Amino acid sequence: MCVYSYSNFKSLLSVVLVVSISLAVSNSAYAHGGGPVYEKRHVYMNELGDIMKAFGNFVKRGKGDLTDLSQKAARIIDLAPELPSHFPPDTGLNHNKESQAKPIIWEKWDDFISASERLVDLGKGLESAFASENEAQISTAVKQMGEEGCRACHSQFRIKKN
């Protein structure tokens, strides 16, 4: 037969309370201080940035393989619909000083969704341009992605930090 005294119960309750508070604090710090949401977002955005650098190297320096660049355009088409999932509520700069996500993302969520959908269209334009092998068409599509995709979204939804 197991008998618990009041002091044993208090001790057990104290342990449960301490563990619960510790978990809540660590989860909050992890989510708002650079945890998996921010890490995944950073990796995701860097991949898009690296793809754009490859496009820029082709347009500005003639470096790159058209087949590879076409595949990178297809990758944008695949990645673009994921964009909103990397910005769950309470993950902007008002919740993490290291974030570059402006609160307007969640205030104008439909506009943010439209921006990710626009990336798909621009990615399709890039894919067609690279398939055409026409340098003028490629240059126009890369410029369009930079201005109407990256820059348009960043200027509205991202704060530039050093």
Protein backbone atom coordinates (compact mmCIF):
# COMPACT_ATOMS: atom_id res chain seq x y z
CA MET A 1 0.00 0.00 0.00
CA CYS A 2 1.33 3.40 -0.96
CA VAL A 3 0.75 6.25 1.44
CA TYR A 4 1.50 9.85 0.50
CA SER A 5 1.90 12.44 3.12
CA TYR A 6 1.01 16.07 2.67
CA SER A 7 4.71 16.98 2.59
CA ASN A 8 5.35 14.40 -0.15
CA PHE A 9 2.46 15.84 -2.11
CA LYS A 10 3.81 19.37 -1.69
CA SER A 11 7.25 18.24 -2.84
CA LEU A 12 5.83 16.50 -5.89
CA LEU A 13 3.67 19.51 -6.70
CA SER A 14 6.71 21.80 -6.37
CA VAL A 15 8.71 19.65 -8.78
CA VAL A 16 5.88 19.56 -11.31
CA LEU A 17 5.46 23.33 -11.06
CA VAL A 18 9.19 24.02 -11.51
CA VAL A 19 9.44 21.68 -14.50
CA SER A 20 6.31 23.21 -16.10
CA ILE A 21 7.58 26.75 -15.68
CA SER A 22 11.02 25.79 -16.98
CA LEU A 23 9.54 24.18 -20.07
CA ALA A 24 7.28 27.15 -20.74
CA VAL A 25 10.14 29.62 -20.41
CA SER A 26 12.54 27.58 -22.54
CA ASN A 27 9.94 26.99 -25.27
CA SER A 28 9.08 30.67 -25.36
CA ALA A 29 12.75 31.66 -25.51
CA TYR A 30 13.37 29.07 -28.18
CA ALA A 31 10.46 30.23 -30.31
CA HIS A 32 11.14 33.94 -29.88
CA GLY A 33 14.90 33.97 -29.54
CA GLY A 34 16.11 32.29 -32.70
CA GLY A 35 14.58 28.85 -32.47
CA PRO A 36 13.50 26.53 -35.25
CA VAL A 37 11.02 28.94 -36.87
CA TYR A 38 13.69 31.57 -37.38
CA GLU A 39 16.33 29.05 -38.38
CA LYS A 40 14.10 27.46 -41.03
CA ARG A 41 13.06 30.89 -42.28
CA HIS A 42 16.69 31.94 -42.57
CA VAL A 43 17.64 28.81 -44.50
CA TYR A 44 14.61 29.21 -46.75
CA MET A 45 15.27 32.87 -47.55
CA ASN A 46 18.97 32.19 -48.10
CA GLU A 47 18.11 29.52 -50.66
CA LEU A 48 15.97 32.01 -52.57
CA GLY A 49 18.76 34.59 -52.30
CA ASP A 50 21.35 32.15 -53.61
CA ILE A 51 19.13 31.35 -56.58
CA MET A 52 18.81 35.06 -57.36
CA LYS A 53 22.60 35.46 -57.11
CA ALA A 54 23.00 32.69 -59.68
CA PHE A 55 20.58 34.50 -62.00
CA GLY A 56 22.46 37.76 -61.49
CA ASN A 57 25.79 36.08 -62.24
CA PHE A 58 24.39 34.86 -65.52
CA VAL A 59 22.93 38.21 -66.57
CA LYS A 60 25.86 40.35 -65.41
CA ARG A 61 28.81 38.02 -66.04
CA GLY A 62 27.57 35.32 -68.39
CA LYS A 63 28.30 32.67 -65.75
CA GLY A 64 26.06 29.66 -65.38
CA ASP A 65 24.44 26.84 -67.28
CA LEU A 66 20.99 27.46 -68.78
CA THR A 67 19.73 24.02 -67.79
CA ASP A 68 20.86 24.53 -64.20
CA LEU A 69 19.34 28.02 -64.12
CA SER A 70 16.07 26.69 -65.50
CA GLN A 71 16.05 24.13 -62.67
CA LYS A 72 16.66 26.96 -60.20
CA ALA A 73 13.65 28.78 -61.63
CA ALA A 74 11.62 25.59 -61.14
CA ARG A 75 12.88 25.52 -57.55
CA ILE A 76 11.44 29.01 -56.99
CA ILE A 77 8.11 27.73 -58.29
CA ASP A 78 8.31 24.90 -55.73
CA LEU A 79 9.48 27.12 -52.86
CA ALA A 80 7.17 30.10 -53.32
CA PRO A 81 3.98 28.49 -51.94
CA GLU A 82 5.89 27.67 -48.72
CA LEU A 83 6.68 31.32 -48.01
CA PRO A 84 3.71 32.03 -45.70
CA SER A 85 4.41 28.91 -43.62
CA HIS A 86 7.75 30.43 -42.60
CA PHE A 87 5.96 33.38 -41.01
CA PRO A 88 3.64 32.04 -38.31
CA PRO A 89 2.00 34.61 -36.02
CA ASP A 90 4.16 36.19 -33.33
CA THR A 91 7.45 35.71 -35.18
CA GLY A 92 8.07 39.24 -36.38
CA LEU A 93 10.46 41.87 -35.14
CA ASN A 94 8.01 42.88 -32.42
CA HIS A 95 8.54 39.40 -30.90
CA ASN A 96 12.21 38.91 -31.73
CA LYS A 97 14.58 41.83 -32.14
CA GLU A 98 16.67 39.75 -34.56
CA SER A 99 13.76 39.24 -36.94
CA GLN A 100 13.44 41.36 -40.06
CA ALA A 101 9.74 40.61 -40.50
CA LYS A 102 7.60 43.72 -40.14
CA PRO A 103 4.30 43.37 -38.24
CA ILE A 104 2.50 44.46 -41.43
CA ILE A 105 2.92 40.88 -42.69
CA TRP A 106 0.17 39.72 -40.33
CA GLU A 107 -1.86 42.93 -40.67
CA LYS A 108 -1.95 42.50 -44.46
CA TRP A 109 -1.79 38.72 -44.59
CA ASP A 110 -3.73 38.51 -47.89
CA ASP A 111 -1.17 40.83 -49.52
CA PHE A 112 1.61 38.64 -48.19
CA ILE A 113 -0.08 35.54 -49.66
CA SER A 114 -0.42 37.38 -52.98
CA ALA A 115 3.31 38.17 -52.91
CA SER A 116 4.13 34.47 -52.55
CA GLU A 117 1.74 33.65 -55.39
CA ARG A 118 3.41 36.32 -57.52
CA LEU A 119 6.73 34.51 -57.02
CA VAL A 120 5.24 31.43 -58.65
CA ASP A 121 4.22 33.44 -61.73
CA LEU A 122 7.60 35.16 -61.91
CA GLY A 123 9.34 31.79 -61.51
CA LYS A 124 7.36 30.43 -64.46
CA GLY A 125 8.45 33.45 -66.49
CA LEU A 126 12.08 32.77 -65.57
CA GLU A 127 11.75 29.10 -66.46
CA SER A 128 10.37 30.03 -69.89
CA ALA A 129 13.06 32.64 -70.41
CA PHE A 130 15.88 30.20 -69.66
CA ALA A 131 14.26 27.58 -71.90
CA SER A 132 14.16 30.14 -74.74
CA GLU A 133 17.92 30.74 -74.40
CA ASN A 134 17.18 34.34 -75.45
CA GLU A 135 19.48 36.61 -73.45
CA ALA A 136 17.18 39.64 -73.66
CA GLN A 137 14.22 37.60 -72.46
CA ILE A 138 16.32 36.11 -69.65
CA SER A 139 17.57 39.52 -68.59
CA THR A 140 14.02 40.91 -68.54
CA ALA A 141 12.69 37.96 -66.52
CA VAL A 142 15.53 38.20 -63.97
CA LYS A 143 14.99 41.95 -63.62
CA GLN A 144 11.27 41.40 -63.22
CA MET A 145 11.83 38.79 -60.50
CA GLY A 146 14.19 41.13 -58.69
CA GLU A 147 11.87 44.13 -58.84
CA GLU A 148 8.39 42.61 -58.68
CA GLY A 149 9.28 39.59 -56.58
CA CYS A 150 12.13 40.14 -54.16
CA ARG A 151 12.28 43.92 -53.87
CA ALA A 152 8.51 44.47 -53.86
CA CYS A 153 8.03 42.00 -51.02
CA HIS A 154 11.08 43.11 -49.03
CA SER A 155 10.26 46.81 -49.28
CA GLN A 156 6.79 46.24 -47.83
CA PHE A 157 7.32 43.37 -45.41
CA ARG A 158 10.96 43.38 -44.32
CA ILE A 159 13.08 45.79 -42.32
CA LYS A 160 16.66 45.94 -43.53
CA LYS A 161 19.19 45.31 -40.80
CA ASN A 162 22.94 45.67 -41.19
